[in-house]
Amino acid sequence: MKKSIAGIILTVATFSGAALADFRHGLDLDVSPQKGGAWVVVEKAGQPQAGVQVSLHGESYTTAENGRVFVYSKGESAQSVTINAVDEEGNSASVKRFIPASRS
C-alpha cells in the first residue's frame, strides 16, 4: 500500500514538473486592443522577444527588440480575432481578443 501511494505521488510530481517546465518555455502574449488593431507584446520567461512572427487575418508582422508590434485588423466594424505568434524555435501561442470598430 505504501509503495503504491509513493508511486502515485512520484508519477504526479513527474508530470506536474513537465507541465510547468513547458509553461515556462512557452510564449506569453499581452494584447492591448485599439481601434483598427492591437498592440501585441511577446514575452518568454518574462523577457521581451524580438523577431517573433505575429499574424492576424493572414498578415504577418515581426516584433521589435522590445517584443512589441502593432497588428492591423481588417474592416471597419468591431470583431473578435485570433492573434497567433511563433518564434524561431517553434514555440507558439495564440489569443482571442475583441477589437473595437475603427470608426469614431
Protein backbone atom coordinates (compact mmCIF):
# COMPACT_ATOMS: atom_id res chain seq x y z
CA MET A 1 0.00 0.00 0.00
CA LYS A 2 2.78 2.43 0.95
CA LYS A 3 4.67 1.63 -2.27
CA SER A 4 1.62 2.31 -4.45
CA ILE A 5 0.95 5.67 -2.78
CA ALA A 6 4.60 6.64 -3.18
CA GLY A 7 4.44 5.59 -6.84
CA ILE A 8 1.35 7.72 -7.42
CA ILE A 9 2.96 10.74 -5.75
CA LEU A 10 6.13 10.28 -7.82
CA THR A 11 4.12 9.98 -11.05
CA VAL A 12 2.07 13.10 -10.31
CA ALA A 13 5.20 15.08 -9.42
CA THR A 14 6.93 13.97 -12.63
CA PHE A 15 4.05 15.03 -14.89
CA SER A 16 3.46 18.25 -12.97
CA GLY A 17 7.10 19.21 -13.37
CA ALA A 18 6.96 18.54 -17.11
CA ALA A 19 3.84 20.69 -17.45
CA LEU A 20 5.42 23.56 -15.51
CA ALA A 21 8.64 23.32 -17.49
CA ASP A 22 6.69 23.57 -20.76
CA PHE A 23 4.74 26.58 -19.42
CA ARG A 24 7.91 28.47 -18.52
CA HIS A 25 9.37 27.98 -22.01
CA GLY A 26 6.24 28.99 -23.92
CA LEU A 27 5.39 32.38 -25.32
CA ASP A 28 3.15 34.83 -23.50
CA LEU A 29 1.09 37.36 -25.46
CA ASP A 30 -0.07 40.62 -23.92
CA VAL A 31 -2.64 42.17 -26.26
CA SER A 32 -3.94 45.74 -25.97
CA PRO A 33 -6.82 46.21 -28.44
CA GLN A 34 -7.06 49.61 -30.14
CA LYS A 35 -9.31 50.97 -32.87
CA GLY A 36 -8.29 49.20 -36.06
CA GLY A 37 -5.88 46.71 -34.50
CA ALA A 38 -3.94 45.82 -31.38
CA TRP A 39 -0.57 46.26 -29.72
CA VAL A 40 0.96 42.85 -29.03
CA VAL A 41 3.89 42.25 -26.66
CA VAL A 42 5.52 38.81 -26.86
CA GLU A 43 7.49 37.52 -23.88
CA LYS A 44 9.16 34.27 -22.96
CA ALA A 45 10.01 33.62 -19.31
CA GLY A 46 9.27 37.30 -18.63
CA GLN A 47 11.70 38.60 -21.26
CA PRO A 48 10.59 40.51 -24.41
CA GLN A 49 11.14 38.52 -27.59
CA ALA A 50 12.45 40.20 -30.76
CA GLY A 51 11.91 38.68 -34.20
CA VAL A 52 8.75 36.74 -33.35
CA GLN A 53 6.24 36.36 -36.18
CA VAL A 54 2.80 37.61 -35.13
CA SER A 55 -0.11 37.07 -37.50
CA LEU A 56 -3.67 38.30 -37.84
CA HIS A 57 -6.01 37.74 -40.82
CA GLY A 58 -3.20 36.14 -42.83
CA GLU A 59 -0.93 39.17 -42.44
CA SER A 60 2.40 38.62 -40.70
CA TYR A 61 4.26 41.13 -38.52
CA THR A 62 7.61 40.89 -36.70
CA THR A 63 8.23 42.05 -33.14
CA ALA A 64 10.85 44.73 -32.46
CA GLU A 65 13.64 44.46 -29.86
CA ASN A 66 11.16 45.33 -27.11
CA GLY A 67 8.96 42.39 -28.16
CA ARG A 68 6.21 44.73 -29.35
CA VAL A 69 4.34 45.08 -32.64
CA PHE A 70 1.08 46.63 -33.86
CA VAL A 71 -1.19 44.31 -35.85
CA TYR A 72 -3.96 45.72 -38.03
CA SER A 73 -7.45 44.26 -38.21
CA LYS A 74 -9.35 44.26 -41.49
CA GLY A 75 -12.65 46.06 -41.82
CA GLU A 76 -14.24 48.95 -40.00
CA SER A 77 -16.60 47.02 -37.75
CA ALA A 78 -15.78 45.63 -34.31
CA GLN A 79 -14.78 41.98 -34.36
CA SER A 80 -13.37 39.11 -32.38
CA VAL A 81 -9.98 37.99 -33.75
CA THR A 82 -7.35 35.36 -33.09
CA ILE A 83 -3.76 36.57 -32.88
CA ASN A 84 -1.02 33.96 -33.38
CA ALA A 85 2.70 34.13 -32.60
CA VAL A 86 5.56 31.77 -33.48
CA ASP A 87 9.23 32.22 -32.58
CA GLU A 88 12.30 30.84 -34.38
CA GLU A 89 12.40 27.80 -32.06
CA GLY A 90 8.85 26.82 -33.00
CA ASN A 91 7.25 27.93 -29.72
CA SER A 92 3.78 29.27 -30.38
CA ALA A 93 0.87 30.96 -28.66
CA SER A 94 -2.48 32.34 -29.70
CA VAL A 95 -5.10 34.51 -28.05
CA LYS A 96 -8.56 35.63 -28.99
CA ARG A 97 -9.46 39.29 -28.42
CA PHE A 98 -12.20 41.74 -29.31
CA ILE A 99 -11.04 44.64 -31.49
CA PRO A 100 -13.23 47.77 -31.38
CA ALA A 101 -14.55 49.39 -34.57
CA SER A 102 -12.08 51.66 -36.35
CA ARG A 103 -14.82 54.25 -36.85
CA SER A 104 -15.21 57.04 -34.31
